[in-house]
Amino acid sequence: TKRVKMTPARARRLFEAHQGICVTCKQIIDPIHEDWFVEHVRPLDLAGTNDDWNLGPAHYRCKHQKDASDRKLATKAKHAKEKHVLGIRLSK
């Protein structure tokens, strides 16, 4: 799924819909004192979408940990697909 541009109005609407709670750490975001961005709850690499129900606010401080976790899950899913769907076996 291709990423789409996030408008300030949409980001604000998503922040309010989630009551300012980070979708990664579940802590309240203080928008005055903390940097935040809109994050995909389910990553695009794992069949996530750009729909509002799959987006929410997240602290920038949580980004590195979630990105690392998402990459690990995406790699695992790719290898499972190669093995089970495509019949590709990885050499050890």
N, C-alpha and C. Protein backbone atom coordinates (compact mmCIF):
# COMPACT_ATOMS: atom_id res chain seq x y z
N THR A 1 0.84 -1.18 0.00
CA THR A 1 0.00 0.00 0.00
C THR A 1 0.89 1.24 0.00
N LYS A 2 0.57 2.17 -0.85
CA LYS A 2 1.33 3.41 -0.95
C LYS A 2 0.97 4.36 0.19
N ARG A 3 1.96 5.04 0.71
CA ARG A 3 1.71 6.05 1.75
C ARG A 3 1.01 7.26 1.12
N VAL A 4 0.17 7.90 1.91
CA VAL A 4 -0.49 9.11 1.45
C VAL A 4 -0.08 10.27 2.34
N LYS A 5 -0.15 11.48 1.79
CA LYS A 5 0.25 12.66 2.54
C LYS A 5 -0.71 12.90 3.70
N MET A 6 -0.15 13.22 4.85
CA MET A 6 -0.94 13.50 6.05
C MET A 6 -1.12 15.01 6.16
N THR A 7 -2.37 15.46 6.13
CA THR A 7 -2.64 16.89 6.29
C THR A 7 -2.69 17.23 7.77
N PRO A 8 -2.40 18.48 8.13
CA PRO A 8 -2.50 18.88 9.53
C PRO A 8 -3.91 18.65 10.10
N ALA A 9 -4.93 18.90 9.30
CA ALA A 9 -6.30 18.70 9.78
C ALA A 9 -6.58 17.23 10.08
N ARG A 10 -6.09 16.34 9.22
CA ARG A 10 -6.31 14.90 9.45
C ARG A 10 -5.52 14.44 10.67
N ALA A 11 -4.29 14.91 10.82
CA ALA A 11 -3.48 14.55 11.99
C ALA A 11 -4.17 14.99 13.27
N ARG A 12 -4.69 16.20 13.28
CA ARG A 12 -5.40 16.72 14.46
C ARG A 12 -6.64 15.88 14.76
N ARG A 13 -7.38 15.51 13.70
CA ARG A 13 -8.59 14.70 13.87
C ARG A 13 -8.23 13.32 14.46
N LEU A 14 -7.16 12.71 13.97
CA LEU A 14 -6.73 11.42 14.49
C LEU A 14 -6.26 11.53 15.94
N PHE A 15 -5.54 12.60 16.26
CA PHE A 15 -5.09 12.83 17.63
C PHE A 15 -6.29 12.91 18.56
N GLU A 16 -7.29 13.66 18.16
CA GLU A 16 -8.49 13.82 18.99
C GLU A 16 -9.28 12.52 19.09
N ALA A 17 -9.35 11.76 18.01
CA ALA A 17 -10.09 10.49 18.01
C ALA A 17 -9.47 9.49 18.99
N HIS A 18 -8.14 9.58 19.16
CA HIS A 18 -7.43 8.68 20.08
C HIS A 18 -7.24 9.32 21.45
N GLN A 19 -7.85 10.46 21.64
CA GLN A 19 -7.76 11.20 22.91
C GLN A 19 -6.32 11.45 23.33
N GLY A 20 -5.46 11.63 22.33
CA GLY A 20 -4.06 11.96 22.60
C GLY A 20 -3.24 10.82 23.18
N ILE A 21 -3.70 9.59 23.02
CA ILE A 21 -2.97 8.45 23.57
C ILE A 21 -2.11 7.82 22.47
N CYS A 22 -0.84 7.62 22.78
CA CYS A 22 0.13 7.04 21.84
C CYS A 22 -0.28 5.61 21.50
N VAL A 23 -0.36 5.30 20.21
CA VAL A 23 -0.76 3.96 19.79
C VAL A 23 0.35 2.93 20.05
N THR A 24 1.54 3.38 20.36
CA THR A 24 2.65 2.48 20.61
C THR A 24 2.81 2.15 22.10
N CYS A 25 2.92 3.17 22.94
CA CYS A 25 3.17 2.93 24.37
C CYS A 25 1.92 3.10 25.25
N LYS A 26 0.83 3.59 24.66
CA LYS A 26 -0.46 3.77 25.36
C LYS A 26 -0.42 4.85 26.45
N GLN A 27 0.59 5.72 26.38
CA GLN A 27 0.68 6.84 27.32
C GLN A 27 0.13 8.11 26.66
N ILE A 28 -0.30 9.04 27.47
CA ILE A 28 -0.83 10.31 26.96
C ILE A 28 0.30 11.14 26.35
N ILE A 29 0.02 11.73 25.22
CA ILE A 29 0.97 12.62 24.55
C ILE A 29 0.62 14.05 24.93
N ASP A 30 1.61 14.80 25.37
CA ASP A 30 1.43 16.23 25.64
C ASP A 30 1.87 16.96 24.37
N PRO A 31 0.90 17.40 23.54
CA PRO A 31 1.27 17.97 22.24
C PRO A 31 2.03 19.30 22.34
N ILE A 32 2.01 19.92 23.48
CA ILE A 32 2.76 21.18 23.67
C ILE A 32 4.24 20.89 23.92
N HIS A 33 4.54 19.85 24.71
CA HIS A 33 5.91 19.58 25.14
C HIS A 33 6.55 18.34 24.50
N GLU A 34 5.77 17.54 23.78
CA GLU A 34 6.31 16.31 23.20
C GLU A 34 6.06 16.28 21.69
N ASP A 35 7.07 15.83 20.96
CA ASP A 35 6.91 15.65 19.52
C ASP A 35 6.14 14.37 19.26
N TRP A 36 5.26 14.42 18.27
CA TRP A 36 4.48 13.24 17.92
C TRP A 36 4.24 13.24 16.42
N PHE A 37 3.81 12.12 15.91
CA PHE A 37 3.51 11.97 14.49
C PHE A 37 2.39 10.96 14.37
N VAL A 38 1.87 10.78 13.16
CA VAL A 38 0.81 9.79 12.92
C VAL A 38 1.47 8.49 12.47
N GLU A 39 1.14 7.42 13.18
CA GLU A 39 1.74 6.11 12.96
C GLU A 39 0.70 5.11 12.46
N HIS A 40 1.14 4.17 11.64
CA HIS A 40 0.27 3.06 11.24
C HIS A 40 0.24 2.06 12.39
N VAL A 41 -0.94 1.68 12.84
CA VAL A 41 -1.05 0.68 13.89
C VAL A 41 -0.57 -0.66 13.33
N ARG A 42 -1.12 -1.04 12.19
CA ARG A 42 -0.64 -2.23 11.47
C ARG A 42 0.20 -1.71 10.31
N PRO A 43 1.48 -2.08 10.26
CA PRO A 43 2.37 -1.54 9.22
C PRO A 43 1.89 -1.85 7.81
N LEU A 44 2.21 -0.97 6.89
CA LEU A 44 1.85 -1.18 5.49
C LEU A 44 2.47 -2.47 4.96
N ASP A 45 3.68 -2.81 5.42
CA ASP A 45 4.35 -4.04 4.99
C ASP A 45 3.63 -5.31 5.45
N LEU A 46 2.75 -5.17 6.42
CA LEU A 46 2.00 -6.31 6.95
C LEU A 46 0.51 -6.17 6.66
N ALA A 47 0.22 -5.67 5.46
CA ALA A 47 -1.16 -5.52 4.97
C ALA A 47 -1.94 -4.43 5.69
N GLY A 48 -1.25 -3.48 6.31
CA GLY A 48 -1.93 -2.34 6.90
C GLY A 48 -2.41 -1.39 5.81
N THR A 49 -3.26 -0.48 6.19
CA THR A 49 -3.82 0.48 5.23
C THR A 49 -3.60 1.90 5.71
N ASN A 50 -3.93 2.84 4.85
CA ASN A 50 -3.87 4.26 5.21
C ASN A 50 -5.23 4.76 5.70
N ASP A 51 -6.13 3.86 6.02
CA ASP A 51 -7.44 4.25 6.53
C ASP A 51 -7.30 4.79 7.95
N ASP A 52 -8.21 5.69 8.31
CA ASP A 52 -8.14 6.30 9.64
C ASP A 52 -8.14 5.28 10.77
N TRP A 53 -8.87 4.17 10.61
CA TRP A 53 -8.93 3.18 11.69
C TRP A 53 -7.58 2.51 11.93
N ASN A 54 -6.64 2.63 11.00
CA ASN A 54 -5.31 2.03 11.15
C ASN A 54 -4.24 3.08 11.46
N LEU A 55 -4.64 4.28 11.77
CA LEU A 55 -3.70 5.36 12.05
C LEU A 55 -3.97 5.97 13.42
N GLY A 56 -2.91 6.43 14.06
CA GLY A 56 -3.09 7.09 15.34
C GLY A 56 -1.82 7.82 15.74
N PRO A 57 -1.92 8.66 16.76
CA PRO A 57 -0.77 9.44 17.20
C PRO A 57 0.24 8.56 17.94
N ALA A 58 1.51 8.92 17.79
CA ALA A 58 2.58 8.21 18.51
C ALA A 58 3.68 9.19 18.86
N HIS A 59 4.31 8.96 20.01
CA HIS A 59 5.48 9.76 20.39
C HIS A 59 6.61 9.50 19.40
N TYR A 60 7.40 10.52 19.10
CA TYR A 60 8.60 10.28 18.30
C TYR A 60 9.56 9.37 19.06
N ARG A 61 9.56 9.46 20.39
CA ARG A 61 10.47 8.63 21.17
C ARG A 61 10.13 7.14 21.06
N CYS A 62 8.92 6.81 20.65
CA CYS A 62 8.50 5.41 20.50
C CYS A 62 8.78 4.88 19.09
N LYS A 63 9.12 5.76 18.17
CA LYS A 63 9.27 5.40 16.76
C LYS A 63 10.34 4.34 16.52
N HIS A 64 11.53 4.50 17.10
CA HIS A 64 12.63 3.57 16.84
C HIS A 64 12.25 2.14 17.24
N GLN A 65 11.67 1.99 18.41
CA GLN A 65 11.31 0.66 18.90
C GLN A 65 10.24 0.02 18.02
N LYS A 66 9.22 0.78 17.63
CA LYS A 66 8.16 0.22 16.80
C LYS A 66 8.68 -0.10 15.40
N ASP A 67 9.50 0.77 14.84
CA ASP A 67 10.08 0.50 13.52
C ASP A 67 10.88 -0.80 13.52
N ALA A 68 11.68 -1.01 14.57
CA ALA A 68 12.48 -2.23 14.67
C ALA A 68 11.58 -3.45 14.77
N SER A 69 10.55 -3.35 15.57
CA SER A 69 9.59 -4.45 15.72
C SER A 69 8.87 -4.73 14.40
N ASP A 70 8.44 -3.67 13.72
CA ASP A 70 7.75 -3.82 12.43
C ASP A 70 8.64 -4.50 11.40
N ARG A 71 9.92 -4.10 11.35
CA ARG A 71 10.85 -4.71 10.38
C ARG A 71 11.03 -6.20 10.67
N LYS A 72 11.14 -6.55 11.95
CA LYS A 72 11.31 -7.94 12.33
C LYS A 72 10.07 -8.76 11.92
N LEU A 73 8.89 -8.23 12.19
CA LEU A 73 7.65 -8.93 11.83
C LEU A 73 7.50 -9.05 10.32
N ALA A 74 7.85 -8.00 9.58
CA ALA A 74 7.74 -8.02 8.12
C ALA A 74 8.70 -9.06 7.52
N THR A 75 9.91 -9.14 8.06
CA THR A 75 10.87 -10.13 7.58
C THR A 75 10.38 -11.54 7.86
N LYS A 76 9.84 -11.76 9.05
CA LYS A 76 9.31 -13.07 9.41
C LYS A 76 8.15 -13.45 8.48
N ALA A 77 7.26 -12.51 8.21
CA ALA A 77 6.12 -12.77 7.33
C ALA A 77 6.60 -13.07 5.90
N LYS A 78 7.60 -12.34 5.45
CA LYS A 78 8.14 -12.56 4.10
C LYS A 78 8.73 -13.96 3.98
N HIS A 79 9.50 -14.37 4.99
CA HIS A 79 10.10 -15.70 4.96
C HIS A 79 9.04 -16.79 5.03
N ALA A 80 8.00 -16.58 5.82
CA ALA A 80 6.91 -17.56 5.91
C ALA A 80 6.20 -17.68 4.56
N LYS A 81 5.98 -16.56 3.91
CA LYS A 81 5.33 -16.57 2.60
C LYS A 81 6.20 -17.31 1.58
N GLU A 82 7.49 -17.01 1.59
CA GLU A 82 8.40 -17.68 0.66
C GLU A 82 8.40 -19.19 0.87
N LYS A 83 8.36 -19.61 2.12
CA LYS A 83 8.41 -21.02 2.44
C LYS A 83 7.09 -21.73 2.12
N HIS A 84 5.98 -21.16 2.56
CA HIS A 84 4.70 -21.85 2.48
C HIS A 84 3.93 -21.60 1.18
N VAL A 85 4.05 -20.42 0.63
CA VAL A 85 3.30 -20.10 -0.57
C VAL A 85 4.12 -20.33 -1.82
N LEU A 86 5.37 -19.92 -1.79
CA LEU A 86 6.20 -20.00 -2.98
C LEU A 86 7.10 -21.24 -3.02
N GLY A 87 7.19 -21.95 -1.89
CA GLY A 87 8.00 -23.16 -1.84
C GLY A 87 9.50 -22.91 -1.81
N ILE A 88 9.92 -21.73 -1.45
CA ILE A 88 11.34 -21.39 -1.40
C ILE A 88 11.89 -21.77 -0.02
N ARG A 89 12.99 -22.48 -0.01
CA ARG A 89 13.64 -22.84 1.25
C ARG A 89 14.91 -22.01 1.39
N LEU A 90 15.10 -21.42 2.55
CA LEU A 90 16.30 -20.62 2.80
C LEU A 90 17.44 -21.55 3.21
N SER A 91 18.63 -21.29 2.70
CA SER A 91 19.79 -22.09 3.10
C SER A 91 20.21 -21.66 4.50
N LYS A 92 20.73 -22.61 5.25
CA LYS A 92 21.14 -22.32 6.64
C LYS A 92 22.63 -22.20 6.74
